[in-house]
Structures are given as structure tokens and as C-alpha cells.
Amino acid sequence: MLRSSLFALALISVAGCASDGATQTADNDRDCFRSSQVRGYNVIDDRHVELRVGANESYILETDWNARDLNWDQRIGLRSTTGSICTGNGLGVDIIGGEPQRRYTIVSIIRAPEPAEQAS
């Protein structure tokens, strides 16, 4: 029951409630967001998942597993031991999901480049 409750708290919610965007840390080397701010995801390739945070912000998470192995039709959890997910090495950040439930370690996190504006 406790595991289910903790898992439910960290769920990635595509239709989640509105919240502030990502925040810069005091040292300005990394920027961070909370798992509750994630609005959607996209599997880029076997090792990279893009998370949409807010209206115009995206982050790319690199894994050491095949991202396509996880059943993305089920509820997927994003867990951080610090409460925030920050750019950098991904230490302490996991994606949790599947049946049976498995934990997938994140190796690195970067902010996705902003898409180039389309020529008119």
C-alpha cells in the first residue's frame, strides 16, 4: 500500500494541474523541475526520452536501458530522491513502470534545445 501511494505521488500526469515552470538553481549551472510539472513525454530513441514541462520547456533524459521496453500505455512514475529533477548526471532519478513494475535509472538530463522557428 505504501509503495502504491509513493508511486501515485510521482506519476507523470499528462493532464496535470497548472504550476510554475522550471527554476534555475542558485549556482545557475543547472535548472530544475518537479515531477508534478511534467505534462507529457516522447520516446526519442532507444536511450532518450523527452519530457515536456510547462508550455515551452522540454528536457531529455538519457537512460542506460532500452526506453522502448517500457509499456508507455500504462501509468509511468518519475522519482527523484531530492524532490527536484535537475540537469546534470541524473543521479537519484528513476522512471518507474511496467508490469511487473521495474525501475529504470536515468544517466543524464539536459534541457532540450528550443525548436527552430519555421520560415514563413
PDB file of N, CA and C in Angstrom:
ATOM      1  N   MET A   1       0.825  -1.193   0.000  1.00  0.00           N
ATOM      2  CA  MET A   1       0.000   0.000   0.000  1.00  0.00           C
ATOM      3  C   MET A   1       0.867   1.253   0.000  1.00  0.00           C
ATOM      4  N   LEU A   2       1.907   1.268   0.845  1.00  0.00           N
ATOM      5  CA  LEU A   2       2.809   2.417   0.899  1.00  0.00           C
ATOM      6  C   LEU A   2       3.496   2.612  -0.442  1.00  0.00           C
ATOM      7  N   ARG A   3       3.947   1.512  -1.046  1.00  0.00           N
ATOM      8  CA  ARG A   3       4.594   1.594  -2.349  1.00  0.00           C
ATOM      9  C   ARG A   3       3.649   2.194  -3.382  1.00  0.00           C
ATOM     10  N   SER A   4       2.380   1.770  -3.372  1.00  0.00           N
ATOM     11  CA  SER A   4       1.393   2.309  -4.308  1.00  0.00           C
ATOM     12  C   SER A   4       1.174   3.797  -4.077  1.00  0.00           C
ATOM     13  N   SER A   5       1.137   4.210  -2.824  1.00  0.00           N
ATOM     14  CA  SER A   5       0.941   5.623  -2.505  1.00  0.00           C
ATOM     15  C   SER A   5       2.124   6.458  -2.972  1.00  0.00           C
ATOM     16  N   LEU A   6       3.344   5.974  -2.735  1.00  0.00           N
ATOM     17  CA  LEU A   6       4.528   6.702  -3.185  1.00  0.00           C
ATOM     18  C   LEU A   6       4.580   6.760  -4.700  1.00  0.00           C
ATOM     19  N   PHE A   7       4.224   5.667  -5.346  1.00  0.00           N
ATOM     20  CA  PHE A   7       4.208   5.622  -6.794  1.00  0.00           C
ATOM     21  C   PHE A   7       3.188   6.619  -7.348  1.00  0.00           C
ATOM     22  N   ALA A   8       2.014   6.679  -6.731  1.00  0.00           N
ATOM     23  CA  ALA A   8       0.966   7.587  -7.192  1.00  0.00           C
ATOM     24  C   ALA A   8       1.382   9.046  -7.071  1.00  0.00           C
ATOM     25  N   LEU A   9       2.157   9.371  -6.045  1.00  0.00           N
ATOM     26  CA  LEU A   9       2.620  10.748  -5.868  1.00  0.00           C
ATOM     27  C   LEU A   9       3.567  11.185  -6.965  1.00  0.00           C
ATOM     28  N   ALA A  10       4.300  10.240  -7.550  1.00  0.00           N
ATOM     29  CA  ALA A  10       5.318  10.582  -8.538  1.00  0.00           C
ATOM     30  C   ALA A  10       4.865  10.360  -9.977  1.00  0.00           C
ATOM     31  N   LEU A  11       3.575  10.124 -10.173  1.00  0.00           N
ATOM     32  CA  LEU A  11       3.100   9.826 -11.522  1.00  0.00           C
ATOM     33  C   LEU A  11       3.305  10.991 -12.468  1.00  0.00           C
ATOM     34  N   ILE A  12       3.670  10.660 -13.658  1.00  0.00           N
ATOM     35  CA  ILE A  12       3.695  11.667 -14.712  1.00  0.00           C
ATOM     36  C   ILE A  12       2.265  11.823 -15.181  1.00  0.00           C
ATOM     37  N   SER A  13       1.746  13.020 -15.083  1.00  0.00           N
ATOM     38  CA  SER A  13       0.371  13.268 -15.445  1.00  0.00           C
ATOM     39  C   SER A  13       0.312  14.151 -16.676  1.00  0.00           C
ATOM     40  N   VAL A  14      -0.187  13.606 -17.754  1.00  0.00           N
ATOM     41  CA  VAL A  14      -0.284  14.371 -18.992  1.00  0.00           C
ATOM     42  C   VAL A  14      -1.273  15.517 -18.831  1.00  0.00           C
ATOM     43  N   ALA A  15      -2.291  15.334 -18.027  1.00  0.00           N
ATOM     44  CA  ALA A  15      -3.303  16.367 -17.848  1.00  0.00           C
ATOM     45  C   ALA A  15      -3.182  17.057 -16.496  1.00  0.00           C
ATOM     46  N   GLY A  16      -2.007  17.023 -15.910  1.00  0.00           N
ATOM     47  CA  GLY A  16      -1.793  17.547 -14.556  1.00  0.00           C
ATOM     48  C   GLY A  16      -2.220  18.990 -14.376  1.00  0.00           C
ATOM     49  N   CYS A  17      -2.235  19.431 -13.125  1.00  0.00           N
ATOM     50  CA  CYS A  17      -2.664  20.788 -12.825  1.00  0.00           C
ATOM     51  C   CYS A  17      -1.572  21.790 -13.171  1.00  0.00           C
ATOM     52  N   ALA A  18      -1.965  23.036 -13.348  1.00  0.00           N
ATOM     53  CA  ALA A  18      -1.026  24.091 -13.735  1.00  0.00           C
ATOM     54  C   ALA A  18      -0.058  24.380 -12.593  1.00  0.00           C
ATOM     55  N   SER A  19       1.178  24.664 -12.963  1.00  0.00           N
ATOM     56  CA  SER A  19       2.174  25.041 -11.973  1.00  0.00           C
ATOM     57  C   SER A  19       3.241  25.881 -12.642  1.00  0.00           C
ATOM     58  N   ASP A  20       4.157  26.408 -11.839  1.00  0.00           N
ATOM     59  CA  ASP A  20       5.234  27.228 -12.369  1.00  0.00           C
ATOM     60  C   ASP A  20       6.141  26.397 -13.251  1.00  0.00           C
ATOM     61  N   GLY A  21       6.905  27.055 -14.115  1.00  0.00           N
ATOM     62  CA  GLY A  21       7.849  26.378 -14.988  1.00  0.00           C
ATOM     63  C   GLY A  21       9.085  25.962 -14.229  1.00  0.00           C
ATOM     64  N   ALA A  22      10.077  25.534 -14.963  1.00  0.00           N
ATOM     65  CA  ALA A  22      11.331  25.104 -14.357  1.00  0.00           C
ATOM     66  C   ALA A  22      12.012  26.278 -13.675  1.00  0.00           C
ATOM     67  N   THR A  23      12.852  25.965 -12.718  1.00  0.00           N
ATOM     68  CA  THR A  23      13.536  27.015 -11.961  1.00  0.00           C
ATOM     69  C   THR A  23      15.034  26.832 -12.031  1.00  0.00           C
ATOM     70  N   GLN A  24      15.760  27.922 -12.040  1.00  0.00           N
ATOM     71  CA  GLN A  24      17.211  27.872 -12.012  1.00  0.00           C
ATOM     72  C   GLN A  24      17.663  27.625 -10.580  1.00  0.00           C
ATOM     73  N   THR A  25      18.724  26.870 -10.415  1.00  0.00           N
ATOM     74  CA  THR A  25      19.305  26.698  -9.094  1.00  0.00           C
ATOM     75  C   THR A  25      20.154  27.915  -8.778  1.00  0.00           C
ATOM     76  N   ALA A  26      20.551  28.039  -7.527  1.00  0.00           N
ATOM     77  CA  ALA A  26      21.308  29.214  -7.100  1.00  0.00           C
ATOM     78  C   ALA A  26      22.622  29.358  -7.850  1.00  0.00           C
ATOM     79  N   ASP A  27      23.257  28.239  -8.219  1.00  0.00           N
ATOM     80  CA  ASP A  27      24.553  28.338  -8.893  1.00  0.00           C
ATOM     81  C   ASP A  27      24.421  28.533 -10.404  1.00  0.00           C
ATOM     82  N   ASN A  28      23.213  28.546 -10.929  1.00  0.00           N
ATOM     83  CA  ASN A  28      22.909  28.763 -12.348  1.00  0.00           C
ATOM     84  C   ASN A  28      23.554  27.738 -13.278  1.00  0.00           C
ATOM     85  N   ASP A  29      24.151  26.673 -12.729  1.00  0.00           N
ATOM     86  CA  ASP A  29      24.731  25.631 -13.568  1.00  0.00           C
ATOM     87  C   ASP A  29      23.671  24.649 -14.060  1.00  0.00           C
ATOM     88  N   ARG A  30      22.629  24.485 -13.290  1.00  0.00           N
ATOM     89  CA  ARG A  30      21.585  23.526 -13.630  1.00  0.00           C
ATOM     90  C   ARG A  30      20.226  24.204 -13.497  1.00  0.00           C
ATOM     91  N   ASP A  31      19.263  23.703 -14.233  1.00  0.00           N
ATOM     92  CA  ASP A  31      17.907  24.122 -13.951  1.00  0.00           C
ATOM     93  C   ASP A  31      17.091  22.891 -13.593  1.00  0.00           C
ATOM     94  N   CYS A  32      16.052  23.111 -12.804  1.00  0.00           N
ATOM     95  CA  CYS A  32      15.329  22.008 -12.176  1.00  0.00           C
ATOM     96  C   CYS A  32      13.827  22.140 -12.379  1.00  0.00           C
ATOM     97  N   PHE A  33      13.140  21.024 -12.221  1.00  0.00           N
ATOM     98  CA  PHE A  33      11.682  20.978 -12.234  1.00  0.00           C
ATOM     99  C   PHE A  33      11.241  19.862 -11.305  1.00  0.00           C
ATOM    100  N   ARG A  34       9.965  19.851 -10.946  1.00  0.00           N
ATOM    101  CA  ARG A  34       9.396  18.788 -10.130  1.00  0.00           C
ATOM    102  C   ARG A  34       8.645  17.811 -11.031  1.00  0.00           C
ATOM    103  N   SER A  35       8.543  16.577 -10.623  1.00  0.00           N
ATOM    104  CA  SER A  35       7.847  15.578 -11.440  1.00  0.00           C
ATOM    105  C   SER A  35       6.394  15.962 -11.681  1.00  0.00           C
ATOM    106  N   SER A  36       5.785  16.689 -10.757  1.00  0.00           N
ATOM    107  CA  SER A  36       4.389  17.099 -10.928  1.00  0.00           C
ATOM    108  C   SER A  36       4.214  18.118 -12.057  1.00  0.00           C
ATOM    109  N   GLN A  37       5.312  18.713 -12.533  1.00  0.00           N
ATOM    110  CA  GLN A  37       5.241  19.695 -13.604  1.00  0.00           C
ATOM    111  C   GLN A  37       5.272  19.064 -14.999  1.00  0.00           C
ATOM    112  N   VAL A  38       5.541  17.771 -15.091  1.00  0.00           N
ATOM    113  CA  VAL A  38       5.643  17.104 -16.388  1.00  0.00           C
ATOM    114  C   VAL A  38       4.260  17.006 -17.014  1.00  0.00           C
ATOM    115  N   ARG A  39       4.160  17.437 -18.258  1.00  0.00           N
ATOM    116  CA  ARG A  39       2.887  17.464 -18.977  1.00  0.00           C
ATOM    117  C   ARG A  39       2.778  16.397 -20.058  1.00  0.00           C
ATOM    118  N   GLY A  40       3.878  15.751 -20.383  1.00  0.00           N
ATOM    119  CA  GLY A  40       3.855  14.719 -21.408  1.00  0.00           C
ATOM    120  C   GLY A  40       5.254  14.228 -21.691  1.00  0.00           C
ATOM    121  N   TYR A  41       5.364  13.262 -22.549  1.00  0.00           N
ATOM    122  CA  TYR A  41       6.652  12.676 -22.868  1.00  0.00           C
ATOM    123  C   TYR A  41       6.653  12.193 -24.306  1.00  0.00           C
ATOM    124  N   ASN A  42       7.848  11.917 -24.800  1.00  0.00           N
ATOM    125  CA  ASN A  42       8.030  11.376 -26.132  1.00  0.00           C
ATOM    126  C   ASN A  42       9.277  10.501 -26.098  1.00  0.00           C
ATOM    127  N   VAL A  43       9.176   9.268 -26.563  1.00  0.00           N
ATOM    128  CA  VAL A  43      10.343   8.404 -26.661  1.00  0.00           C
ATOM    129  C   VAL A  43      11.071   8.798 -27.941  1.00  0.00           C
ATOM    130  N   ILE A  44      12.289   9.328 -27.805  1.00  0.00           N
ATOM    131  CA  ILE A  44      13.058   9.802 -28.961  1.00  0.00           C
ATOM    132  C   ILE A  44      13.720   8.633 -29.678  1.00  0.00           C
ATOM    133  N   ASP A  45      14.419   7.797 -28.941  1.00  0.00           N
ATOM    134  CA  ASP A  45      15.070   6.611 -29.481  1.00  0.00           C
ATOM    135  C   ASP A  45      15.246   5.613 -28.344  1.00  0.00           C
ATOM    136  N   ASP A  46      16.069   4.598 -28.558  1.00  0.00           N
ATOM    137  CA  ASP A  46      16.225   3.535 -27.562  1.00  0.00           C
ATOM    138  C   ASP A  46      16.748   4.015 -26.219  1.00  0.00           C
ATOM    139  N   ARG A  47      17.447   5.126 -26.169  1.00  0.00           N
ATOM    140  CA  ARG A  47      18.085   5.581 -24.932  1.00  0.00           C
ATOM    141  C   ARG A  47      17.657   6.968 -24.453  1.00  0.00           C
ATOM    142  N   HIS A  48      16.750   7.631 -25.158  1.00  0.00           N
ATOM    143  CA  HIS A  48      16.393   9.009 -24.804  1.00  0.00           C
ATOM    144  C   HIS A  48      14.885   9.215 -24.761  1.00  0.00           C
ATOM    145  N   VAL A  49      14.447   9.895 -23.690  1.00  0.00           N
ATOM    146  CA  VAL A  49      13.036  10.233 -23.510  1.00  0.00           C
ATOM    147  C   VAL A  49      12.953  11.739 -23.307  1.00  0.00           C
ATOM    148  N   GLU A  50      12.055  12.389 -24.036  1.00  0.00           N
ATOM    149  CA  GLU A  50      11.837  13.830 -23.871  1.00  0.00           C
ATOM    150  C   GLU A  50      10.633  14.041 -22.964  1.00  0.00           C
ATOM    151  N   LEU A  51      10.800  14.894 -21.954  1.00  0.00           N
ATOM    152  CA  LEU A  51       9.701  15.267 -21.066  1.00  0.00           C
ATOM    153  C   LEU A  51       9.310  16.708 -21.362  1.00  0.00           C
ATOM    154  N   ARG A  52       8.016  16.962 -21.504  1.00  0.00           N
ATOM    155  CA  ARG A  52       7.518  18.326 -21.676  1.00  0.00           C
ATOM    156  C   ARG A  52       7.121  18.861 -20.309  1.00  0.00           C
ATOM    157  N   VAL A  53       7.696  20.002 -19.960  1.00  0.00           N
ATOM    158  CA  VAL A  53       7.465  20.638 -18.670  1.00  0.00           C
ATOM    159  C   VAL A  53       6.946  22.039 -18.951  1.00  0.00           C
ATOM    160  N   GLY A  54       5.719  22.318 -18.574  1.00  0.00           N
ATOM    161  CA  GLY A  54       5.151  23.620 -18.880  1.00  0.00           C
ATOM    162  C   GLY A  54       4.867  23.752 -20.365  1.00  0.00           C
ATOM    163  N   ALA A  55       4.603  24.973 -20.797  1.00  0.00           N
ATOM    164  CA  ALA A  55       4.205  25.218 -22.181  1.00  0.00           C
ATOM    165  C   ALA A  55       5.370  25.147 -23.167  1.00  0.00           C
ATOM    166  N   ASN A  56       6.534  25.637 -22.777  1.00  0.00           N
ATOM    167  CA  ASN A  56       7.629  25.777 -23.739  1.00  0.00           C
ATOM    168  C   ASN A  56       8.941  25.144 -23.314  1.00  0.00           C
ATOM    169  N   GLU A  57       8.933  24.300 -22.318  1.00  0.00           N
ATOM    170  CA  GLU A  57      10.171  23.729 -21.815  1.00  0.00           C
ATOM    171  C   GLU A  57      10.160  22.213 -21.962  1.00  0.00           C
ATOM    172  N   SER A  58      11.287  21.677 -22.406  1.00  0.00           N
ATOM    173  CA  SER A  58      11.440  20.234 -22.534  1.00  0.00           C
ATOM    174  C   SER A  58      12.813  19.828 -22.040  1.00  0.00           C
ATOM    175  N   TYR A  59      12.889  18.611 -21.538  1.00  0.00           N
ATOM    176  CA  TYR A  59      14.143  18.054 -21.054  1.00  0.00           C
ATOM    177  C   TYR A  59      14.318  16.684 -21.676  1.00  0.00           C
ATOM    178  N   ILE A  60      15.574  16.297 -21.908  1.00  0.00           N
ATOM    179  CA  ILE A  60      15.867  14.987 -22.467  1.00  0.00           C
ATOM    180  C   ILE A  60      16.577  14.168 -21.394  1.00  0.00           C
ATOM    181  N   LEU A  61      15.989  13.017 -21.080  1.00  0.00           N
ATOM    182  CA  LEU A  61      16.556  12.098 -20.105  1.00  0.00           C
ATOM    183  C   LEU A  61      17.207  10.955 -20.858  1.00  0.00           C
ATOM    184  N   GLU A  62      18.457  10.669 -20.530  1.00  0.00           N
ATOM    185  CA  GLU A  62      19.168   9.547 -21.132  1.00  0.00           C
ATOM    186  C   GLU A  62      19.141   8.387 -20.145  1.00  0.00           C
ATOM    187  N   THR A  63      18.866   7.200 -20.653  1.00  0.00           N
ATOM    188  CA  THR A  63      18.782   6.014 -19.815  1.00  0.00           C
ATOM    189  C   THR A  63      19.906   5.050 -20.137  1.00  0.00           C
ATOM    190  N   ASP A  64      20.105   4.070 -19.259  1.00  0.00           N
ATOM    191  CA  ASP A  64      21.053   3.001 -19.552  1.00  0.00           C
ATOM    192  C   ASP A  64      20.304   1.710 -19.894  1.00  0.00           C
ATOM    193  N   TRP A  65      19.073   1.842 -20.296  1.00  0.00           N
ATOM    194  CA  TRP A  65      18.224   0.725 -20.683  1.00  0.00           C
ATOM    195  C   TRP A  65      17.511   1.109 -21.969  1.00  0.00           C
ATOM    196  N   ASN A  66      16.811   0.199 -22.577  1.00  0.00           N
ATOM    197  CA  ASN A  66      16.070   0.478 -23.796  1.00  0.00           C
ATOM    198  C   ASN A  66      14.722   1.093 -23.431  1.00  0.00           C
ATOM    199  N   ALA A  67      14.546   2.366 -23.722  1.00  0.00           N
ATOM    200  CA  ALA A  67      13.322   3.085 -23.368  1.00  0.00           C
ATOM    201  C   ALA A  67      12.091   2.489 -24.035  1.00  0.00           C
ATOM    202  N   ARG A  68      12.271   1.812 -25.123  1.00  0.00           N
ATOM    203  CA  ARG A  68      11.128   1.206 -25.827  1.00  0.00           C
ATOM    204  C   ARG A  68      10.626  -0.056 -25.129  1.00  0.00           C
ATOM    205  N   ASP A  69      11.405  -0.594 -24.180  1.00  0.00           N
ATOM    206  CA  ASP A  69      10.989  -1.787 -23.442  1.00  0.00           C
ATOM    207  C   ASP A  69       9.861  -1.508 -22.456  1.00  0.00           C
ATOM    208  N   LEU A  70       9.729  -0.268 -22.025  1.00  0.00           N
ATOM    209  CA  LEU A  70       8.709   0.089 -21.046  1.00  0.00           C
ATOM    210  C   LEU A  70       7.366   0.278 -21.737  1.00  0.00           C
ATOM    211  N   ASN A  71       6.306  -0.253 -21.163  1.00  0.00           N
ATOM    212  CA  ASN A  71       4.969  -0.103 -21.728  1.00  0.00           C
ATOM    213  C   ASN A  71       4.459   1.299 -21.393  1.00  0.00           C
ATOM    214  N   TRP A  72       4.543   2.217 -22.337  1.00  0.00           N
ATOM    215  CA  TRP A  72       4.184   3.614 -22.122  1.00  0.00           C
ATOM    216  C   TRP A  72       2.671   3.827 -22.100  1.00  0.00           C
ATOM    217  N   ASP A  73       1.883   2.772 -22.375  1.00  0.00           N
ATOM    218  CA  ASP A  73       0.423   2.884 -22.292  1.00  0.00           C
ATOM    219  C   ASP A  73      -0.053   2.843 -20.845  1.00  0.00           C
ATOM    220  N   GLN A  74       0.792   2.350 -19.951  1.00  0.00           N
ATOM    221  CA  GLN A  74       0.445   2.288 -18.536  1.00  0.00           C
ATOM    222  C   GLN A  74       0.886   3.570 -17.843  1.00  0.00           C
ATOM    223  N   ARG A  75       0.502   3.713 -16.590  1.00  0.00           N
ATOM    224  CA  ARG A  75       0.975   4.849 -15.802  1.00  0.00           C
ATOM    225  C   ARG A  75       2.460   4.710 -15.552  1.00  0.00           C
ATOM    226  N   ILE A  76       3.156   5.807 -15.740  1.00  0.00           N
ATOM    227  CA  ILE A  76       4.600   5.828 -15.581  1.00  0.00           C
ATOM    228  C   ILE A  76       4.928   6.817 -14.476  1.00  0.00           C
ATOM    229  N   GLY A  77       5.815   6.438 -13.579  1.00  0.00           N
ATOM    230  CA  GLY A  77       6.220   7.315 -12.486  1.00  0.00           C
ATOM    231  C   GLY A  77       7.620   7.861 -12.719  1.00  0.00           C
ATOM    232  N   LEU A  78       7.840   9.069 -12.243  1.00  0.00           N
ATOM    233  CA  LEU A  78       9.154   9.695 -12.286  1.00  0.00           C
ATOM    234  C   LEU A  78       9.525  10.004 -10.846  1.00  0.00           C
ATOM    235  N   ARG A  79      10.638   9.427 -10.374  1.00  0.00           N
ATOM    236  CA  ARG A  79      11.017   9.557  -8.981  1.00  0.00           C
ATOM    237  C   ARG A  79      12.382  10.223  -8.874  1.00  0.00           C
ATOM    238  N   SER A  80      12.486  11.124  -7.892  1.00  0.00           N
ATOM    239  CA  SER A  80      13.758  11.770  -7.600  1.00  0.00           C
ATOM    240  C   SER A  80      13.981  11.725  -6.099  1.00  0.00           C
ATOM    241  N   THR A  81      15.173  11.351  -5.680  1.00  0.00           N
ATOM    242  CA  THR A  81      15.474  11.276  -4.257  1.00  0.00           C
ATOM    243  C   THR A  81      15.545  12.652  -3.614  1.00  0.00           C
ATOM    244  N   THR A  82      15.723  13.706  -4.405  1.00  0.00           N
ATOM    245  CA  THR A  82      15.832  15.066  -3.866  1.00  0.00           C
ATOM    246  C   THR A  82      14.539  15.859  -3.972  1.00  0.00           C
ATOM    247  N   GLY A  83      13.537  15.361  -4.681  1.00  0.00           N
ATOM    248  CA  GLY A  83      12.296  16.093  -4.870  1.00  0.00           C
ATOM    249  C   GLY A  83      12.306  16.951  -6.122  1.00  0.00           C
ATOM    250  N   SER A  84      13.484  17.285  -6.610  1.00  0.00           N
ATOM    251  CA  SER A  84      13.627  18.051  -7.845  1.00  0.00           C
ATOM    252  C   SER A  84      14.396  17.218  -8.850  1.00  0.00           C
ATOM    253  N   ILE A  85      14.130  17.463 -10.113  1.00  0.00           N
ATOM    254  CA  ILE A  85      14.848  16.814 -11.193  1.00  0.00           C
ATOM    255  C   ILE A  85      15.632  17.911 -11.890  1.00  0.00           C
ATOM    256  N   CYS A  86      16.955  17.795 -11.868  1.00  0.00           N
ATOM    257  CA  CYS A  86      17.829  18.866 -12.364  1.00  0.00           C
ATOM    258  C   CYS A  86      18.706  18.367 -13.495  1.00  0.00           C
ATOM    259  N   THR A  87      19.080  19.287 -14.381  1.00  0.00           N
ATOM    260  CA  THR A  87      20.015  18.933 -15.437  1.00  0.00           C
ATOM    261  C   THR A  87      21.323  18.486 -14.807  1.00  0.00           C
ATOM    262  N   GLY A  88      21.980  17.583 -15.477  1.00  0.00           N
ATOM    263  CA  GLY A  88      23.236  17.049 -14.960  1.00  0.00           C
ATOM    264  C   GLY A  88      23.285  15.548 -15.114  1.00  0.00           C
ATOM    265  N   ASN A  89      23.869  14.883 -14.137  1.00  0.00           N
ATOM    266  CA  ASN A  89      24.146  13.452 -14.268  1.00  0.00           C
ATOM    267  C   ASN A  89      22.954  12.534 -14.022  1.00  0.00           C
ATOM    268  N   GLY A  90      21.827  13.009 -13.555  1.00  0.00           N
ATOM    269  CA  GLY A  90      20.651  12.170 -13.355  1.00  0.00           C
ATOM    270  C   GLY A  90      20.703  11.297 -12.121  1.00  0.00           C
ATOM    271  N   LEU A  91      21.721  11.457 -11.294  1.00  0.00           N
ATOM    272  CA  LEU A  91      21.872  10.648 -10.085  1.00  0.00           C
ATOM    273  C   LEU A  91      20.638  10.793  -9.197  1.00  0.00           C
ATOM    274  N   GLY A  92      20.018   9.680  -8.837  1.00  0.00           N
ATOM    275  CA  GLY A  92      18.857   9.680  -7.961  1.00  0.00           C
ATOM    276  C   GLY A  92      17.527   9.841  -8.673  1.00  0.00           C
ATOM    277  N   VAL A  93      17.526   9.843 -10.013  1.00  0.00           N
ATOM    278  CA  VAL A  93      16.280   9.986 -10.779  1.00  0.00           C
ATOM    279  C   VAL A  93      15.999   8.659 -11.484  1.00  0.00           C
ATOM    280  N   ASP A  94      14.757   8.194 -11.369  1.00  0.00           N
ATOM    281  CA  ASP A  94      14.339   6.939 -11.984  1.00  0.00           C
ATOM    282  C   ASP A  94      12.974   7.119 -12.638  1.00  0.00           C
ATOM    283  N   ILE A  95      12.742   6.350 -13.698  1.00  0.00           N
ATOM    284  CA  ILE A  95      11.405   6.174 -14.254  1.00  0.00           C
ATOM    285  C   ILE A  95      10.938   4.822 -13.757  1.00  0.00           C
ATOM    286  N   ILE A  96       9.709   4.760 -13.259  1.00  0.00           N
ATOM    287  CA  ILE A  96       9.166   3.533 -12.689  1.00  0.00           C
ATOM    288  C   ILE A  96       7.912   3.161 -13.467  1.00  0.00           C
ATOM    289  N   GLY A  97       7.818   1.920 -13.866  1.00  0.00           N
ATOM    290  CA  GLY A  97       6.616   1.494 -14.568  1.00  0.00           C
ATOM    291  C   GLY A  97       6.730   0.074 -15.073  1.00  0.00           C
ATOM    292  N   GLY A  98       5.742  -0.309 -15.851  1.00  0.00           N
ATOM    293  CA  GLY A  98       5.717  -1.632 -16.446  1.00  0.00           C
ATOM    294  C   GLY A  98       4.954  -2.621 -15.593  1.00  0.00           C
ATOM    295  N   GLU A  99       4.799  -3.802 -16.139  1.00  0.00           N
ATOM    296  CA  GLU A  99       4.123  -4.883 -15.444  1.00  0.00           C
ATOM    297  C   GLU A  99       4.909  -6.152 -15.684  1.00  0.00           C
ATOM    298  N   PRO A 100       5.666  -6.681 -14.762  1.00  0.00           N
ATOM    299  CA  PRO A 100       5.765  -6.222 -13.385  1.00  0.00           C
ATOM    300  C   PRO A 100       6.548  -4.909 -13.312  1.00  0.00           C
ATOM    301  N   GLN A 101       6.285  -4.176 -12.260  1.00  0.00           N
ATOM    302  CA  GLN A 101       6.884  -2.858 -12.095  1.00  0.00           C
ATOM    303  C   GLN A 101       8.403  -2.950 -12.024  1.00  0.00           C
ATOM    304  N   ARG A 102       9.073  -2.073 -12.806  1.00  0.00           N
ATOM    305  CA  ARG A 102      10.536  -2.021 -12.814  1.00  0.00           C
ATOM    306  C   ARG A 102      10.997  -0.584 -12.660  1.00  0.00           C
ATOM    307  N   ARG A 103      12.233  -0.440 -12.214  1.00  0.00           N
ATOM    308  CA  ARG A 103      12.833   0.891 -12.067  1.00  0.00           C
ATOM    309  C   ARG A 103      13.915   1.040 -13.134  1.00  0.00           C
ATOM    310  N   TYR A 104      13.862   2.160 -13.868  1.00  0.00           N
ATOM    311  CA  TYR A 104      14.813   2.446 -14.932  1.00  0.00           C
ATOM    312  C   TYR A 104      15.627   3.670 -14.532  1.00  0.00           C
ATOM    313  N   THR A 105      16.936   3.502 -14.411  1.00  0.00           N
ATOM    314  CA  THR A 105      17.831   4.554 -13.950  1.00  0.00           C
ATOM    315  C   THR A 105      18.096   5.573 -15.054  1.00  0.00           C
ATOM    316  N   ILE A 106      18.120   6.846 -14.663  1.00  0.00           N
ATOM    317  CA  ILE A 106      18.445   7.935 -15.589  1.00  0.00           C
ATOM    318  C   ILE A 106      19.931   8.244 -15.451  1.00  0.00           C
ATOM    319  N   VAL A 107      20.623   8.329 -16.578  1.00  0.00           N
ATOM    320  CA  VAL A 107      22.066   8.549 -16.604  1.00  0.00           C
ATOM    321  C   VAL A 107      22.396  10.037 -16.690  1.00  0.00           C
ATOM    322  N   SER A 108      21.632  10.788 -17.500  1.00  0.00           N
ATOM    323  CA  SER A 108      21.878  12.227 -17.633  1.00  0.00           C
ATOM    324  C   SER A 108      20.600  12.945 -18.026  1.00  0.00           C
ATOM    325  N   ILE A 109      20.570  14.239 -17.708  1.00  0.00           N
ATOM    326  CA  ILE A 109      19.412  15.085 -18.016  1.00  0.00           C
ATOM    327  C   ILE A 109      19.941  16.384 -18.614  1.00  0.00           C
ATOM    328  N   ILE A 110      19.392  16.755 -19.777  1.00  0.00           N
ATOM    329  CA  ILE A 110      19.732  18.032 -20.395  1.00  0.00           C
ATOM    330  C   ILE A 110      18.445  18.755 -20.769  1.00  0.00           C
ATOM    331  N   ARG A 111      18.542  20.060 -20.883  1.00  0.00           N
ATOM    332  CA  ARG A 111      17.402  20.817 -21.387  1.00  0.00           C
ATOM    333  C   ARG A 111      17.398  20.676 -22.902  1.00  0.00           C
ATOM    334  N   ALA A 112      16.252  20.364 -23.466  1.00  0.00           N
ATOM    335  CA  ALA A 112      16.140  20.194 -24.910  1.00  0.00           C
ATOM    336  C   ALA A 112      16.306  21.546 -25.601  1.00  0.00           C
ATOM    337  N   PRO A 113      16.969  21.550 -26.737  1.00  0.00           N
ATOM    338  CA  PRO A 113      17.088  22.808 -27.474  1.00  0.00           C
ATOM    339  C   PRO A 113      15.713  23.263 -27.931  1.00  0.00           C
ATOM    340  N   GLU A 114      15.539  24.571 -27.978  1.00  0.00           N
ATOM    341  CA  GLU A 114      14.261  25.102 -28.442  1.00  0.00           C
ATOM    342  C   GLU A 114      14.145  24.837 -29.933  1.00  0.00           C
ATOM    343  N   PRO A 115      12.946  24.462 -30.399  1.00  0.00           N
ATOM    344  CA  PRO A 115      12.785  24.192 -31.814  1.00  0.00           C
ATOM    345  C   PRO A 115      13.014  25.462 -32.644  1.00  0.00           C
ATOM    346  N   ALA A 116      13.652  25.297 -33.776  1.00  0.00           N
ATOM    347  CA  ALA A 116      13.893  26.445 -34.666  1.00  0.00           C
ATOM    348  C   ALA A 116      12.557  26.920 -35.219  1.00  0.00           C
ATOM    349  N   GLU A 117      12.424  28.224 -35.303  1.00  0.00           N
ATOM    350  CA  GLU A 117      11.175  28.771 -35.859  1.00  0.00           C
ATOM    351  C   GLU A 117      11.095  28.433 -37.338  1.00  0.00           C
ATOM    352  N   GLN A 118       9.905  28.081 -37.775  1.00  0.00           N
ATOM    353  CA  GLN A 118       9.714  27.720 -39.160  1.00  0.00           C
ATOM    354  C   GLN A 118       9.687  28.971 -40.020  1.00  0.00           C
ATOM    355  N   ALA A 119      10.290  28.870 -41.179  1.00  0.00           N
ATOM    356  CA  ALA A 119      10.307  30.005 -42.107  1.00  0.00           C
ATOM    357  C   ALA A 119       8.929  30.212 -42.688  1.00  0.00           C
ATOM    358  N   SER A 120       8.554  31.466 -42.838  1.00  0.00           N
ATOM    359  CA  SER A 120       7.228  31.770 -43.374  1.00  0.00           C
ATOM    360  C   SER A 120       7.239  31.812 -44.869  1.00  0.00           C
TER     361      SER A 120
END
